[in-house]
Amino acid sequence: MEVQAIYKNFRMSPQKLREVVRQVQGMNAVHALAVLKVTPRKSARAVAKTLQSAIANAENNHGLRPETLTVKCAFAQTAGRLKRFIPKARGSAGPIIKRSSHIKIVLSDN
């Protein structure tokens, strides 16, 4: 059985999130959570929060035990972007793009 959790519109670029998300793919869910707890990145906290949500979904909605779960797939997708402008020389403006992402984690019990 597959269980998932999605964290939408997290204010960090998907490129920064993918480095952390790739670390936990294929791991046991409890072990992956332990790895994320000691990873010194802001993105690790968001991925850990999403993983905890997926584990809670499996326990409460489907009656699965966390020890039997593995991270089947985990990925960060591009969400909406905030477009801002900063003043530049001679009256022009330069763009600032503030990126967001969606984090999706799918757990499997086999």
PDB file of N, CA and C in Angstrom:
ATOM      1  N   MET A   1       0.834  -1.171   0.000  1.00  0.00           N
ATOM      2  CA  MET A   1       0.000   0.000   0.000  1.00  0.00           C
ATOM      3  C   MET A   1       0.889   1.248   0.000  1.00  0.00           C
ATOM      4  N   GLU A   2       0.467   2.242  -0.701  1.00  0.00           N
ATOM      5  CA  GLU A   2       1.230   3.488  -0.780  1.00  0.00           C
ATOM      6  C   GLU A   2       0.506   4.611  -0.048  1.00  0.00           C
ATOM      7  N   VAL A   3       1.282   5.397   0.673  1.00  0.00           N
ATOM      8  CA  VAL A   3       0.764   6.535   1.436  1.00  0.00           C
ATOM      9  C   VAL A   3       1.611   7.738   1.057  1.00  0.00           C
ATOM     10  N   GLN A   4       0.980   8.900   0.955  1.00  0.00           N
ATOM     11  CA  GLN A   4       1.746  10.084   0.560  1.00  0.00           C
ATOM     12  C   GLN A   4       1.417  11.286   1.421  1.00  0.00           C
ATOM     13  N   ALA A   5       2.325  12.251   1.371  1.00  0.00           N
ATOM     14  CA  ALA A   5       2.122  13.546   2.017  1.00  0.00           C
ATOM     15  C   ALA A   5       2.732  14.600   1.112  1.00  0.00           C
ATOM     16  N   ILE A   6       2.083  15.765   1.039  1.00  0.00           N
ATOM     17  CA  ILE A   6       2.544  16.845   0.166  1.00  0.00           C
ATOM     18  C   ILE A   6       2.617  18.132   0.977  1.00  0.00           C
ATOM     19  N   TYR A   7       3.740  18.812   0.876  1.00  0.00           N
ATOM     20  CA  TYR A   7       3.930  20.132   1.497  1.00  0.00           C
ATOM     21  C   TYR A   7       3.932  21.120   0.342  1.00  0.00           C
ATOM     22  N   LYS A   8       2.903  21.949   0.260  1.00  0.00           N
ATOM     23  CA  LYS A   8       2.769  22.847  -0.878  1.00  0.00           C
ATOM     24  C   LYS A   8       3.262  24.251  -0.558  1.00  0.00           C
ATOM     25  N   ASN A   9       3.803  24.895  -1.575  1.00  0.00           N
ATOM     26  CA  ASN A   9       4.224  26.296  -1.541  1.00  0.00           C
ATOM     27  C   ASN A   9       5.241  26.598  -0.446  1.00  0.00           C
ATOM     28  N   PHE A  10       6.249  25.752  -0.333  1.00  0.00           N
ATOM     29  CA  PHE A  10       7.350  26.008   0.596  1.00  0.00           C
ATOM     30  C   PHE A  10       8.281  27.016  -0.061  1.00  0.00           C
ATOM     31  N   ARG A  11       8.629  28.092   0.656  1.00  0.00           N
ATOM     32  CA  ARG A  11       9.390  29.202   0.081  1.00  0.00           C
ATOM     33  C   ARG A  11      10.889  28.910   0.030  1.00  0.00           C
ATOM     34  N   MET A  12      11.247  27.985  -0.823  1.00  0.00           N
ATOM     35  CA  MET A  12      12.649  27.684  -1.089  1.00  0.00           C
ATOM     36  C   MET A  12      12.716  27.108  -2.499  1.00  0.00           C
ATOM     37  N   SER A  13      13.823  27.349  -3.169  1.00  0.00           N
ATOM     38  CA  SER A  13      13.937  26.877  -4.544  1.00  0.00           C
ATOM     39  C   SER A  13      14.004  25.355  -4.584  1.00  0.00           C
ATOM     40  N   PRO A  14      13.427  24.744  -5.595  1.00  0.00           N
ATOM     41  CA  PRO A  14      13.446  23.281  -5.706  1.00  0.00           C
ATOM     42  C   PRO A  14      14.864  22.727  -5.834  1.00  0.00           C
ATOM     43  N   GLN A  15      15.757  23.496  -6.389  1.00  0.00           N
ATOM     44  CA  GLN A  15      17.137  23.048  -6.562  1.00  0.00           C
ATOM     45  C   GLN A  15      17.792  22.785  -5.203  1.00  0.00           C
ATOM     46  N   LYS A  16      17.543  23.640  -4.227  1.00  0.00           N
ATOM     47  CA  LYS A  16      18.099  23.458  -2.889  1.00  0.00           C
ATOM     48  C   LYS A  16      17.441  22.274  -2.179  1.00  0.00           C
ATOM     49  N   LEU A  17      16.160  22.064  -2.431  1.00  0.00           N
ATOM     50  CA  LEU A  17      15.445  20.965  -1.793  1.00  0.00           C
ATOM     51  C   LEU A  17      15.850  19.611  -2.359  1.00  0.00           C
ATOM     52  N   ARG A  18      16.130  19.546  -3.650  1.00  0.00           N
ATOM     53  CA  ARG A  18      16.428  18.258  -4.286  1.00  0.00           C
ATOM     54  C   ARG A  18      17.675  17.602  -3.722  1.00  0.00           C
ATOM     55  N   GLU A  19      18.634  18.399  -3.257  1.00  0.00           N
ATOM     56  CA  GLU A  19      19.846  17.829  -2.666  1.00  0.00           C
ATOM     57  C   GLU A  19      19.514  16.997  -1.434  1.00  0.00           C
ATOM     58  N   VAL A  20      18.577  17.457  -0.630  1.00  0.00           N
ATOM     59  CA  VAL A  20      18.202  16.751   0.589  1.00  0.00           C
ATOM     60  C   VAL A  20      17.235  15.613   0.278  1.00  0.00           C
ATOM     61  N   VAL A  21      16.321  15.834  -0.646  1.00  0.00           N
ATOM     62  CA  VAL A  21      15.303  14.839  -0.969  1.00  0.00           C
ATOM     63  C   VAL A  21      15.936  13.585  -1.571  1.00  0.00           C
ATOM     64  N   ARG A  22      16.980  13.760  -2.350  1.00  0.00           N
ATOM     65  CA  ARG A  22      17.644  12.601  -2.959  1.00  0.00           C
ATOM     66  C   ARG A  22      18.318  11.708  -1.928  1.00  0.00           C
ATOM     67  N   GLN A  23      18.686  12.269  -0.779  1.00  0.00           N
ATOM     68  CA  GLN A  23      19.349  11.477   0.258  1.00  0.00           C
ATOM     69  C   GLN A  23      18.441  10.407   0.850  1.00  0.00           C
ATOM     70  N   VAL A  24      17.144  10.678   0.933  1.00  0.00           N
ATOM     71  CA  VAL A  24      16.244   9.780   1.649  1.00  0.00           C
ATOM     72  C   VAL A  24      15.513   8.790   0.760  1.00  0.00           C
ATOM     73  N   GLN A  25      15.645   8.872  -0.533  1.00  0.00           N
ATOM     74  CA  GLN A  25      14.932   7.954  -1.418  1.00  0.00           C
ATOM     75  C   GLN A  25      15.425   6.529  -1.206  1.00  0.00           C
ATOM     76  N   GLY A  26      14.480   5.604  -1.058  1.00  0.00           N
ATOM     77  CA  GLY A  26      14.815   4.199  -0.893  1.00  0.00           C
ATOM     78  C   GLY A  26      15.148   3.781   0.525  1.00  0.00           C
ATOM     79  N   MET A  27      15.208   4.724   1.460  1.00  0.00           N
ATOM     80  CA  MET A  27      15.536   4.393   2.849  1.00  0.00           C
ATOM     81  C   MET A  27      14.309   3.923   3.613  1.00  0.00           C
ATOM     82  N   ASN A  28      14.572   3.268   4.743  1.00  0.00           N
ATOM     83  CA  ASN A  28      13.520   2.975   5.698  1.00  0.00           C
ATOM     84  C   ASN A  28      13.031   4.322   6.243  1.00  0.00           C
ATOM     85  N   ALA A  29      11.738   4.477   6.480  1.00  0.00           N
ATOM     86  CA  ALA A  29      11.163   5.765   6.872  1.00  0.00           C
ATOM     87  C   ALA A  29      11.724   6.261   8.205  1.00  0.00           C
ATOM     88  N   VAL A  30      11.882   5.375   9.175  1.00  0.00           N
ATOM     89  CA  VAL A  30      12.393   5.778  10.488  1.00  0.00           C
ATOM     90  C   VAL A  30      13.862   6.179  10.380  1.00  0.00           C
ATOM     91  N   HIS A  31      14.622   5.430   9.583  1.00  0.00           N
ATOM     92  CA  HIS A  31      16.041   5.754   9.374  1.00  0.00           C
ATOM     93  C   HIS A  31      16.186   7.083   8.621  1.00  0.00           C
ATOM     94  N   ALA A  32      15.339   7.297   7.632  1.00  0.00           N
ATOM     95  CA  ALA A  32      15.379   8.553   6.863  1.00  0.00           C
ATOM     96  C   ALA A  32      15.075   9.750   7.758  1.00  0.00           C
ATOM     97  N   LEU A  33      14.152   9.580   8.685  1.00  0.00           N
ATOM     98  CA  LEU A  33      13.822  10.655   9.620  1.00  0.00           C
ATOM     99  C   LEU A  33      15.009  10.975  10.522  1.00  0.00           C
ATOM    100  N   ALA A  34      15.738   9.938  10.943  1.00  0.00           N
ATOM    101  CA  ALA A  34      16.924  10.148  11.774  1.00  0.00           C
ATOM    102  C   ALA A  34      18.022  10.866  10.993  1.00  0.00           C
ATOM    103  N   VAL A  35      18.171  10.541   9.722  1.00  0.00           N
ATOM    104  CA  VAL A  35      19.171  11.205   8.877  1.00  0.00           C
ATOM    105  C   VAL A  35      18.813  12.678   8.699  1.00  0.00           C
ATOM    106  N   LEU A  36      17.538  12.967   8.489  1.00  0.00           N
ATOM    107  CA  LEU A  36      17.108  14.350   8.284  1.00  0.00           C
ATOM    108  C   LEU A  36      17.267  15.184   9.554  1.00  0.00           C
ATOM    109  N   LYS A  37      17.122  14.568  10.713  1.00  0.00           N
ATOM    110  CA  LYS A  37      17.253  15.312  11.975  1.00  0.00           C
ATOM    111  C   LYS A  37      18.659  15.866  12.163  1.00  0.00           C
ATOM    112  N   VAL A  38      19.682  15.177  11.640  1.00  0.00           N
ATOM    113  CA  VAL A  38      21.063  15.626  11.829  1.00  0.00           C
ATOM    114  C   VAL A  38      21.632  16.333  10.598  1.00  0.00           C
ATOM    115  N   THR A  39      20.830  16.509   9.553  1.00  0.00           N
ATOM    116  CA  THR A  39      21.287  17.222   8.365  1.00  0.00           C
ATOM    117  C   THR A  39      21.179  18.723   8.631  1.00  0.00           C
ATOM    118  N   PRO A  40      22.292  19.471   8.516  1.00  0.00           N
ATOM    119  CA  PRO A  40      22.283  20.892   8.898  1.00  0.00           C
ATOM    120  C   PRO A  40      21.829  21.827   7.783  1.00  0.00           C
ATOM    121  N   ARG A  41      20.613  21.638   7.290  1.00  0.00           N
ATOM    122  CA  ARG A  41      20.088  22.502   6.233  1.00  0.00           C
ATOM    123  C   ARG A  41      18.648  22.862   6.560  1.00  0.00           C
ATOM    124  N   LYS A  42      18.235  24.039   6.128  1.00  0.00           N
ATOM    125  CA  LYS A  42      16.856  24.479   6.344  1.00  0.00           C
ATOM    126  C   LYS A  42      15.886  23.563   5.602  1.00  0.00           C
ATOM    127  N   SER A  43      16.284  23.115   4.427  1.00  0.00           N
ATOM    128  CA  SER A  43      15.414  22.252   3.634  1.00  0.00           C
ATOM    129  C   SER A  43      15.193  20.899   4.304  1.00  0.00           C
ATOM    130  N   ALA A  44      16.131  20.434   5.112  1.00  0.00           N
ATOM    131  CA  ALA A  44      15.981  19.149   5.803  1.00  0.00           C
ATOM    132  C   ALA A  44      14.837  19.193   6.802  1.00  0.00           C
ATOM    133  N   ARG A  45      14.623  20.351   7.433  1.00  0.00           N
ATOM    134  CA  ARG A  45      13.512  20.474   8.378  1.00  0.00           C
ATOM    135  C   ARG A  45      12.165  20.348   7.667  1.00  0.00           C
ATOM    136  N   ALA A  46      12.051  20.939   6.483  1.00  0.00           N
ATOM    137  CA  ALA A  46      10.789  20.857   5.737  1.00  0.00           C
ATOM    138  C   ALA A  46      10.541  19.447   5.217  1.00  0.00           C
ATOM    139  N   VAL A  47      11.588  18.771   4.758  1.00  0.00           N
ATOM    140  CA  VAL A  47      11.441  17.397   4.273  1.00  0.00           C
ATOM    141  C   VAL A  47      11.098  16.473   5.443  1.00  0.00           C
ATOM    142  N   ALA A  48      11.710  16.703   6.611  1.00  0.00           N
ATOM    143  CA  ALA A  48      11.401  15.893   7.793  1.00  0.00           C
ATOM    144  C   ALA A  48       9.950  16.090   8.221  1.00  0.00           C
ATOM    145  N   LYS A  49       9.483  17.312   8.143  1.00  0.00           N
ATOM    146  CA  LYS A  49       8.088  17.602   8.500  1.00  0.00           C
ATOM    147  C   LYS A  49       7.125  16.867   7.560  1.00  0.00           C
ATOM    148  N   THR A  50       7.445  16.838   6.280  1.00  0.00           N
ATOM    149  CA  THR A  50       6.614  16.141   5.302  1.00  0.00           C
ATOM    150  C   THR A  50       6.670  14.635   5.527  1.00  0.00           C
ATOM    151  N   LEU A  51       7.856  14.122   5.836  1.00  0.00           N
ATOM    152  CA  LEU A  51       8.007  12.686   6.098  1.00  0.00           C
ATOM    153  C   LEU A  51       7.235  12.277   7.350  1.00  0.00           C
ATOM    154  N   GLN A  52       7.279  13.097   8.395  1.00  0.00           N
ATOM    155  CA  GLN A  52       6.505  12.808   9.608  1.00  0.00           C
ATOM    156  C   GLN A  52       5.009  12.784   9.302  1.00  0.00           C
ATOM    157  N   SER A  53       4.574  13.674   8.439  1.00  0.00           N
ATOM    158  CA  SER A  53       3.166  13.706   8.050  1.00  0.00           C
ATOM    159  C   SER A  53       2.782  12.438   7.291  1.00  0.00           C
ATOM    160  N   ALA A  54       3.656  11.973   6.408  1.00  0.00           N
ATOM    161  CA  ALA A  54       3.377  10.745   5.647  1.00  0.00           C
ATOM    162  C   ALA A  54       3.330   9.535   6.584  1.00  0.00           C
ATOM    163  N   ILE A  55       4.233   9.490   7.558  1.00  0.00           N
ATOM    164  CA  ILE A  55       4.231   8.387   8.527  1.00  0.00           C
ATOM    165  C   ILE A  55       2.947   8.413   9.361  1.00  0.00           C
ATOM    166  N   ALA A  56       2.521   9.607   9.775  1.00  0.00           N
ATOM    167  CA  ALA A  56       1.277   9.736  10.546  1.00  0.00           C
ATOM    168  C   ALA A  56       0.070   9.330   9.708  1.00  0.00           C
ATOM    169  N   ASN A  57       0.080   9.675   8.412  1.00  0.00           N
ATOM    170  CA  ASN A  57      -1.008   9.258   7.528  1.00  0.00           C
ATOM    171  C   ASN A  57      -1.076   7.736   7.444  1.00  0.00           C
ATOM    172  N   ALA A  58       0.078   7.090   7.359  1.00  0.00           N
ATOM    173  CA  ALA A  58       0.111   5.630   7.264  1.00  0.00           C
ATOM    174  C   ALA A  58      -0.400   4.983   8.554  1.00  0.00           C
ATOM    175  N   GLU A  59      -0.005   5.535   9.698  1.00  0.00           N
ATOM    176  CA  GLU A  59      -0.427   4.965  10.981  1.00  0.00           C
ATOM    177  C   GLU A  59      -1.918   5.164  11.226  1.00  0.00           C
ATOM    178  N   ASN A  60      -2.383   6.404  11.057  1.00  0.00           N
ATOM    179  CA  ASN A  60      -3.753   6.729  11.445  1.00  0.00           C
ATOM    180  C   ASN A  60      -4.798   6.328  10.419  1.00  0.00           C
ATOM    181  N   ASN A  61      -4.481   6.443   9.137  1.00  0.00           N
ATOM    182  CA  ASN A  61      -5.484   6.177   8.110  1.00  0.00           C
ATOM    183  C   ASN A  61      -5.484   4.731   7.630  1.00  0.00           C
ATOM    184  N   HIS A  62      -4.317   4.060   7.705  1.00  0.00           N
ATOM    185  CA  HIS A  62      -4.223   2.716   7.139  1.00  0.00           C
ATOM    186  C   HIS A  62      -3.748   1.666   8.132  1.00  0.00           C
ATOM    187  N   GLY A  63      -3.414   2.069   9.352  1.00  0.00           N
ATOM    188  CA  GLY A  63      -3.018   1.117  10.383  1.00  0.00           C
ATOM    189  C   GLY A  63      -1.672   0.456  10.140  1.00  0.00           C
ATOM    190  N   LEU A  64      -0.772   1.115   9.437  1.00  0.00           N
ATOM    191  CA  LEU A  64       0.552   0.548   9.153  1.00  0.00           C
ATOM    192  C   LEU A  64       1.543   0.942  10.242  1.00  0.00           C
ATOM    193  N   ARG A  65       2.541   0.110  10.464  1.00  0.00           N
ATOM    194  CA  ARG A  65       3.578   0.408  11.445  1.00  0.00           C
ATOM    195  C   ARG A  65       4.731   1.155  10.772  1.00  0.00           C
ATOM    196  N   PRO A  66       5.302   2.166  11.416  1.00  0.00           N
ATOM    197  CA  PRO A  66       6.383   2.965  10.807  1.00  0.00           C
ATOM    198  C   PRO A  66       7.635   2.162  10.479  1.00  0.00           C
ATOM    199  N   GLU A  67       7.911   1.082  11.232  1.00  0.00           N
ATOM    200  CA  GLU A  67       9.117   0.292  11.000  1.00  0.00           C
ATOM    201  C   GLU A  67       9.076  -0.442   9.667  1.00  0.00           C
ATOM    202  N   THR A  68       7.868  -0.693   9.155  1.00  0.00           N
ATOM    203  CA  THR A  68       7.742  -1.455   7.907  1.00  0.00           C
ATOM    204  C   THR A  68       7.737  -0.557   6.669  1.00  0.00           C
ATOM    205  N   LEU A  69       7.724   0.754   6.852  1.00  0.00           N
ATOM    206  CA  LEU A  69       7.594   1.672   5.720  1.00  0.00           C
ATOM    207  C   LEU A  69       8.950   2.035   5.125  1.00  0.00           C
ATOM    208  N   THR A  70       8.963   2.182   3.797  1.00  0.00           N
ATOM    209  CA  THR A  70      10.150   2.676   3.101  1.00  0.00           C
ATOM    210  C   THR A  70       9.747   3.862   2.236  1.00  0.00           C
ATOM    211  N   VAL A  71      10.695   4.730   1.974  1.00  0.00           N
ATOM    212  CA  VAL A  71      10.439   5.897   1.130  1.00  0.00           C
ATOM    213  C   VAL A  71      10.530   5.431  -0.321  1.00  0.00           C
ATOM    214  N   LYS A  72       9.375   5.284  -0.954  1.00  0.00           N
ATOM    215  CA  LYS A  72       9.361   4.809  -2.341  1.00  0.00           C
ATOM    216  C   LYS A  72       9.884   5.885  -3.274  1.00  0.00           C
ATOM    217  N   CYS A  73       9.339   7.082  -3.164  1.00  0.00           N
ATOM    218  CA  CYS A  73       9.865   8.203  -3.959  1.00  0.00           C
ATOM    219  C   CYS A  73       9.634   9.495  -3.186  1.00  0.00           C
ATOM    220  N   ALA A  74      10.533  10.412  -3.397  1.00  0.00           N
ATOM    221  CA  ALA A  74      10.451  11.723  -2.760  1.00  0.00           C
ATOM    222  C   ALA A  74      10.990  12.722  -3.762  1.00  0.00           C
ATOM    223  N   PHE A  75      10.235  13.775  -4.019  1.00  0.00           N
ATOM    224  CA  PHE A  75      10.716  14.766  -4.973  1.00  0.00           C
ATOM    225  C   PHE A  75      10.198  16.147  -4.658  1.00  0.00           C
ATOM    226  N   ALA A  76      10.895  17.145  -5.193  1.00  0.00           N
ATOM    227  CA  ALA A  76      10.542  18.552  -5.023  1.00  0.00           C
ATOM    228  C   ALA A  76      10.214  19.121  -6.396  1.00  0.00           C
ATOM    229  N   GLN A  77       9.030  19.658  -6.531  1.00  0.00           N
ATOM    230  CA  GLN A  77       8.589  20.226  -7.799  1.00  0.00           C
ATOM    231  C   GLN A  77       8.501  21.734  -7.691  1.00  0.00           C
ATOM    232  N   THR A  78       8.545  22.384  -8.837  1.00  0.00           N
ATOM    233  CA  THR A  78       8.445  23.835  -8.886  1.00  0.00           C
ATOM    234  C   THR A  78       7.015  24.276  -8.606  1.00  0.00           C
ATOM    235  N   ALA A  79       6.871  25.274  -7.747  1.00  0.00           N
ATOM    236  CA  ALA A  79       5.571  25.885  -7.471  1.00  0.00           C
ATOM    237  C   ALA A  79       5.575  27.281  -8.090  1.00  0.00           C
ATOM    238  N   GLY A  80       4.685  28.134  -7.647  1.00  0.00           N
ATOM    239  CA  GLY A  80       4.616  29.484  -8.182  1.00  0.00           C
ATOM    240  C   GLY A  80       5.843  30.309  -7.822  1.00  0.00           C
ATOM    241  N   ARG A  81       6.045  31.380  -8.568  1.00  0.00           N
ATOM    242  CA  ARG A  81       7.188  32.262  -8.314  1.00  0.00           C
ATOM    243  C   ARG A  81       6.692  33.668  -8.040  1.00  0.00           C
ATOM    244  N   LEU A  82       7.329  34.322  -7.080  1.00  0.00           N
ATOM    245  CA  LEU A  82       7.041  35.728  -6.817  1.00  0.00           C
ATOM    246  C   LEU A  82       8.023  36.553  -7.630  1.00  0.00           C
ATOM    247  N   LYS A  83       7.520  37.489  -8.384  1.00  0.00           N
ATOM    248  CA  LYS A  83       8.396  38.319  -9.208  1.00  0.00           C
ATOM    249  C   LYS A  83       8.473  39.717  -8.610  1.00  0.00           C
ATOM    250  N   ARG A  84       9.676  40.128  -8.304  1.00  0.00           N
ATOM    251  CA  ARG A  84       9.933  41.441  -7.732  1.00  0.00           C
ATOM    252  C   ARG A  84      10.981  42.146  -8.575  1.00  0.00           C
ATOM    253  N   PHE A  85      11.129  43.442  -8.348  1.00  0.00           N
ATOM    254  CA  PHE A  85      12.122  44.211  -9.094  1.00  0.00           C
ATOM    255  C   PHE A  85      12.950  45.051  -8.137  1.00  0.00           C
ATOM    256  N   ILE A  86      14.211  45.231  -8.470  1.00  0.00           N
ATOM    257  CA  ILE A  86      15.126  46.030  -7.674  1.00  0.00           C
ATOM    258  C   ILE A  86      15.653  47.157  -8.556  1.00  0.00           C
ATOM    259  N   PRO A  87      15.737  48.366  -8.042  1.00  0.00           N
ATOM    260  CA  PRO A  87      16.232  49.481  -8.854  1.00  0.00           C
ATOM    261  C   PRO A  87      17.693  49.283  -9.249  1.00  0.00           C
ATOM    262  N   LYS A  88      17.994  49.644 -10.463  1.00  0.00           N
ATOM    263  CA  LYS A  88      19.364  49.550 -10.982  1.00  0.00           C
ATOM    264  C   LYS A  88      19.811  50.934 -11.457  1.00  0.00           C
ATOM    265  N   ALA A  89      20.979  50.972 -12.014  1.00  0.00           N
ATOM    266  CA  ALA A  89      21.553  52.239 -12.455  1.00  0.00           C
ATOM    267  C   ALA A  89      20.777  52.835 -13.624  1.00  0.00           C
ATOM    268  N   ARG A  90      20.790  54.135 -13.692  1.00  0.00           N
ATOM    269  CA  ARG A  90      20.223  54.917 -14.800  1.00  0.00           C
ATOM    270  C   ARG A  90      18.733  54.663 -14.994  1.00  0.00           C
ATOM    271  N   GLY A  91      18.016  54.468 -13.899  1.00  0.00           N
ATOM    272  CA  GLY A  91      16.556  54.365 -13.957  1.00  0.00           C
ATOM    273  C   GLY A  91      16.011  53.030 -14.414  1.00  0.00           C
ATOM    274  N   SER A  92      16.842  52.033 -14.561  1.00  0.00           N
ATOM    275  CA  SER A  92      16.332  50.732 -14.999  1.00  0.00           C
ATOM    276  C   SER A  92      16.016  49.871 -13.773  1.00  0.00           C
ATOM    277  N   ALA A  93      15.491  48.674 -14.017  1.00  0.00           N
ATOM    278  CA  ALA A  93      15.137  47.771 -12.927  1.00  0.00           C
ATOM    279  C   ALA A  93      15.605  46.365 -13.271  1.00  0.00           C
ATOM    280  N   GLY A  94      16.023  45.640 -12.257  1.00  0.00           N
ATOM    281  CA  GLY A  94      16.444  44.254 -12.444  1.00  0.00           C
ATOM    282  C   GLY A  94      15.475  43.312 -11.756  1.00  0.00           C
ATOM    283  N   PRO A  95      15.204  42.168 -12.369  1.00  0.00           N
ATOM    284  CA  PRO A  95      14.229  41.241 -11.789  1.00  0.00           C
ATOM    285  C   PRO A  95      14.807  40.438 -10.626  1.00  0.00           C
ATOM    286  N   ILE A  96      13.932  40.125  -9.666  1.00  0.00           N
ATOM    287  CA  ILE A  96      14.242  39.196  -8.589  1.00  0.00           C
ATOM    288  C   ILE A  96      13.135  38.150  -8.625  1.00  0.00           C
ATOM    289  N   ILE A  97      13.508  36.881  -8.739  1.00  0.00           N
ATOM    290  CA  ILE A  97      12.526  35.808  -8.793  1.00  0.00           C
ATOM    291  C   ILE A  97      12.649  34.989  -7.515  1.00  0.00           C
ATOM    292  N   LYS A  98      11.599  34.997  -6.704  1.00  0.00           N
ATOM    293  CA  LYS A  98      11.583  34.245  -5.442  1.00  0.00           C
ATOM    294  C   LYS A  98      10.819  32.947  -5.691  1.00  0.00           C
ATOM    295  N   ARG A  99      11.547  31.849  -5.688  1.00  0.00           N
ATOM    296  CA  ARG A  99      10.976  30.561  -6.076  1.00  0.00           C
ATOM    297  C   ARG A  99      10.356  29.827  -4.885  1.00  0.00           C
ATOM    298  N   SER A 100       9.360  29.007  -5.189  1.00  0.00           N
ATOM    299  CA  SER A 100       8.703  28.159  -4.195  1.00  0.00           C
ATOM    300  C   SER A 100       8.666  26.733  -4.727  1.00  0.00           C
ATOM    301  N   SER A 101       8.367  25.788  -3.849  1.00  0.00           N
ATOM    302  CA  SER A 101       8.324  24.395  -4.281  1.00  0.00           C
ATOM    303  C   SER A 101       7.260  23.599  -3.545  1.00  0.00           C
ATOM    304  N   HIS A 102       6.919  22.455  -4.136  1.00  0.00           N
ATOM    305  CA  HIS A 102       6.046  21.469  -3.526  1.00  0.00           C
ATOM    306  C   HIS A 102       6.914  20.254  -3.201  1.00  0.00           C
ATOM    307  N   ILE A 103       6.819  19.745  -1.983  1.00  0.00           N
ATOM    308  CA  ILE A 103       7.554  18.544  -1.585  1.00  0.00           C
ATOM    309  C   ILE A 103       6.547  17.404  -1.494  1.00  0.00           C
ATOM    310  N   LYS A 104       6.839  16.303  -2.185  1.00  0.00           N
ATOM    311  CA  LYS A 104       5.949  15.141  -2.161  1.00  0.00           C
ATOM    312  C   LYS A 104       6.753  13.916  -1.753  1.00  0.00           C
ATOM    313  N   ILE A 105       6.246  13.184  -0.751  1.00  0.00           N
ATOM    314  CA  ILE A 105       6.886  11.961  -0.290  1.00  0.00           C
ATOM    315  C   ILE A 105       5.864  10.838  -0.325  1.00  0.00           C
ATOM    316  N   VAL A 106       6.242   9.723  -0.970  1.00  0.00           N
ATOM    317  CA  VAL A 106       5.392   8.551  -1.076  1.00  0.00           C
ATOM    318  C   VAL A 106       6.064   7.409  -0.313  1.00  0.00           C
ATOM    319  N   LEU A 107       5.342   6.825   0.624  1.00  0.00           N
ATOM    320  CA  LEU A 107       5.839   5.700   1.410  1.00  0.00           C
ATOM    321  C   LEU A 107       5.152   4.419   0.954  1.00  0.00           C
ATOM    322  N   SER A 108       5.904   3.327   0.998  1.00  0.00           N
ATOM    323  CA  SER A 108       5.372   2.015   0.635  1.00  0.00           C
ATOM    324  C   SER A 108       5.651   1.038   1.769  1.00  0.00           C
ATOM    325  N   ASP A 109       4.780   0.045   1.943  1.00  0.00           N
ATOM    326  CA  ASP A 109       4.955  -0.881   3.060  1.00  0.00           C
ATOM    327  C   ASP A 109       5.611  -2.196   2.662  1.00  0.00           C
ATOM    328  N   ASN A 110       6.086  -2.334   1.438  1.00  0.00           N
ATOM    329  CA  ASN A 110       6.722  -3.604   1.051  1.00  0.00           C
ATOM    330  C   ASN A 110       8.180  -3.472   0.850  1.00  0.00           C
TER     331      ASN A 110
END
